[in-house]
C-alpha atoms as a PDB file:
ATOM      1  CA  MET A   1     -16.786  -6.672  -1.237  1.00  0.00           C
ATOM      2  CA  ALA A   2     -17.743  -3.949  -3.704  1.00  0.00           C
ATOM      3  CA  LYS A   3     -15.170  -2.901  -6.286  1.00  0.00           C
ATOM      4  CA  LYS A   4     -14.088   0.756  -6.250  1.00  0.00           C
ATOM      5  CA  LEU A   5     -14.677   3.042  -9.276  1.00  0.00           C
ATOM      6  CA  LEU A   6     -12.202   5.391 -10.858  1.00  0.00           C
ATOM      7  CA  ALA A   7     -13.135   8.946 -11.683  1.00  0.00           C
ATOM      8  CA  GLU A   8     -14.430   8.039 -15.146  1.00  0.00           C
ATOM      9  CA  GLY A   9     -16.742   5.402 -13.684  1.00  0.00           C
ATOM     10  CA  ALA A  10     -14.473   2.461 -14.774  1.00  0.00           C
ATOM     11  CA  LEU A  11     -13.580  -0.229 -12.246  1.00  0.00           C
ATOM     12  CA  ALA A  12     -10.378   0.304 -10.362  1.00  0.00           C
ATOM     13  CA  PRO A  13      -7.719  -2.415 -10.734  1.00  0.00           C
ATOM     14  CA  GLU A  14      -7.408  -4.937  -7.921  1.00  0.00           C
ATOM     15  CA  SER A  15      -3.752  -4.200  -7.542  1.00  0.00           C
ATOM     16  CA  PHE A  16      -0.864  -2.051  -8.656  1.00  0.00           C
ATOM     17  CA  GLU A  17       0.525  -4.979 -10.718  1.00  0.00           C
ATOM     18  CA  GLN A  18      -2.833  -5.430 -12.416  1.00  0.00           C
ATOM     19  CA  ALA A  19      -2.965  -1.717 -13.268  1.00  0.00           C
ATOM     20  CA  MET A  20       0.558  -1.815 -14.735  1.00  0.00           C
ATOM     21  CA  ALA A  21      -0.340  -4.848 -16.853  1.00  0.00           C
ATOM     22  CA  GLU A  22      -3.459  -3.230 -18.195  1.00  0.00           C
ATOM     23  CA  LEU A  23      -1.570  -0.054 -18.939  1.00  0.00           C
ATOM     24  CA  ALA A  24       1.107  -1.978 -20.797  1.00  0.00           C
ATOM     25  CA  GLN A  25      -1.571  -3.731 -22.796  1.00  0.00           C
ATOM     26  CA  LEU A  26      -3.195  -0.432 -23.680  1.00  0.00           C
ATOM     27  CA  VAL A  27       0.086   1.064 -24.797  1.00  0.00           C
ATOM     28  CA  THR A  28       0.757  -1.913 -27.011  1.00  0.00           C
ATOM     29  CA  GLN A  29      -2.678  -1.692 -28.619  1.00  0.00           C
ATOM     30  CA  MET A  30      -2.261   2.098 -29.186  1.00  0.00           C
ATOM     31  CA  GLU A  31       1.243   1.670 -30.598  1.00  0.00           C
ATOM     32  CA  SER A  32       0.018  -0.882 -33.151  1.00  0.00           C
ATOM     33  CA  GLY A  33      -2.067   1.819 -34.883  1.00  0.00           C
ATOM     34  CA  GLN A  34      -4.861  -0.684 -35.356  1.00  0.00           C
ATOM     35  CA  LEU A  35      -7.434   0.946 -32.993  1.00  0.00           C
ATOM     36  CA  PRO A  36     -10.131   3.164 -34.438  1.00  0.00           C
ATOM     37  CA  LEU A  37     -10.153   6.763 -33.350  1.00  0.00           C
ATOM     38  CA  GLU A  38     -12.831   6.435 -30.726  1.00  0.00           C
ATOM     39  CA  ALA A  39     -11.196   3.303 -29.276  1.00  0.00           C
ATOM     40  CA  SER A  40      -7.851   5.140 -29.159  1.00  0.00           C
ATOM     41  CA  VAL A  41      -9.483   8.042 -27.172  1.00  0.00           C
ATOM     42  CA  ALA A  42     -11.087   5.594 -24.825  1.00  0.00           C
ATOM     43  CA  ALA A  43      -7.783   3.732 -24.339  1.00  0.00           C
ATOM     44  CA  TYR A  44      -6.034   6.971 -23.642  1.00  0.00           C
ATOM     45  CA  ALA A  45      -8.603   8.014 -21.058  1.00  0.00           C
ATOM     46  CA  ARG A  46      -8.339   4.614 -19.370  1.00  0.00           C
ATOM     47  CA  GLY A  47      -4.539   4.830 -19.467  1.00  0.00           C
ATOM     48  CA  SER A  48      -4.662   8.238 -17.894  1.00  0.00           C
ATOM     49  CA  GLU A  49      -6.829   6.916 -15.050  1.00  0.00           C
ATOM     50  CA  LEU A  50      -4.554   3.926 -14.539  1.00  0.00           C
ATOM     51  CA  VAL A  51      -1.542   6.214 -14.308  1.00  0.00           C
ATOM     52  CA  LYS A  52      -3.286   8.269 -11.637  1.00  0.00           C
ATOM     53  CA  TYR A  53      -4.167   5.105  -9.753  1.00  0.00           C
ATOM     54  CA  CYS A  54      -0.596   3.808  -9.888  1.00  0.00           C
ATOM     55  CA  ALA A  55       0.823   7.222  -8.797  1.00  0.00           C
ATOM     56  CA  ALA A  56      -1.563   7.267  -5.809  1.00  0.00           C
ATOM     57  CA  GLN A  57      -0.581   3.671  -4.854  1.00  0.00           C
ATOM     58  CA  LEU A  58       3.110   4.615  -4.999  1.00  0.00           C
ATOM     59  CA  GLU A  59       2.470   7.667  -2.798  1.00  0.00           C
ATOM     60  CA  LYS A  60       0.669   5.479  -0.189  1.00  0.00           C
ATOM     61  CA  VAL A  61       3.650   3.110  -0.190  1.00  0.00           C
ATOM     62  CA  GLU A  62       6.151   5.927   0.105  1.00  0.00           C
ATOM     63  CA  THR A  63       4.254   7.269   3.043  1.00  0.00           C
ATOM     64  CA  GLN A  64       4.292   3.843   4.704  1.00  0.00           C
ATOM     65  CA  VAL A  65       8.001   3.475   4.111  1.00  0.00           C
ATOM     66  CA  LYS A  66       8.623   6.957   5.683  1.00  0.00           C
ATOM     67  CA  VAL A  67       6.704   5.907   8.736  1.00  0.00           C
ATOM     68  CA  LEU A  68       8.579   2.606   8.956  1.00  0.00           C
ATOM     69  CA  GLU A  69      11.956   4.390   8.521  1.00  0.00           C
ATOM     70  CA  GLY A  70      11.185   7.138  10.917  1.00  0.00           C
ATOM     71  CA  ASP A  71      11.033   9.729   8.091  1.00  0.00           C
ATOM     72  CA  MET A  72      14.727   9.248   7.593  1.00  0.00           C
ATOM     73  CA  LEU A  73      14.636   8.209   3.908  1.00  0.00           C
ATOM     74  CA  LYS A  74      17.973   8.688   2.156  1.00  0.00           C
ATOM     75  CA  PRO A  75      18.691   8.757  -1.568  1.00  0.00           C
ATOM     76  CA  PHE A  76      20.171   5.548  -3.011  1.00  0.00           C
ATOM     77  CA  ALA A  77      23.862   6.138  -3.560  1.00  0.00           C
ATOM     78  CA  ALA A  78      25.231   3.485  -5.860  1.00  0.00           C
ATOM     79  CA  ASP A  79      28.811   4.693  -5.320  1.00  0.00           C
ATOM     80  CA  THR A  80      28.591   3.470  -1.678  1.00  0.00           C
ATOM     81  CA  ILE A  81      28.301  -0.130  -2.753  1.00  0.00           C
ATOM     82  CA  ASP A  82      31.605  -1.881  -3.547  1.00  0.00           C
ATOM     83  CA  GLU A  83      32.129  -4.280  -6.520  1.00  0.00           C
ATOM     84  CA  ALA A  84      31.078  -7.246  -4.305  1.00  0.00           C
ATOM     85  CA  GLY A  85      27.686  -5.622  -3.851  1.00  0.00           C
ATOM     86  CA  GLN A  86      28.274  -4.866  -0.192  1.00  0.00           C
END
């Protein structure tokens, strides 16, 4: 199976979890301050594409949940759960 490409021509991650792991790694590298300027810009661009990918994946899942729930999603209300978690 051929791998998909992101807008910048980089390979798309195989999963949401892989994208999040790569994004966390990029953030760590950038926060260390050890990357040269060009590498920082490339890391930022890749991170931006990963964020877009993750957002799109979350939208797909939200749509699937809406279909499964009959478009009756309700906001989570923590105050409706008693101390026993029920």
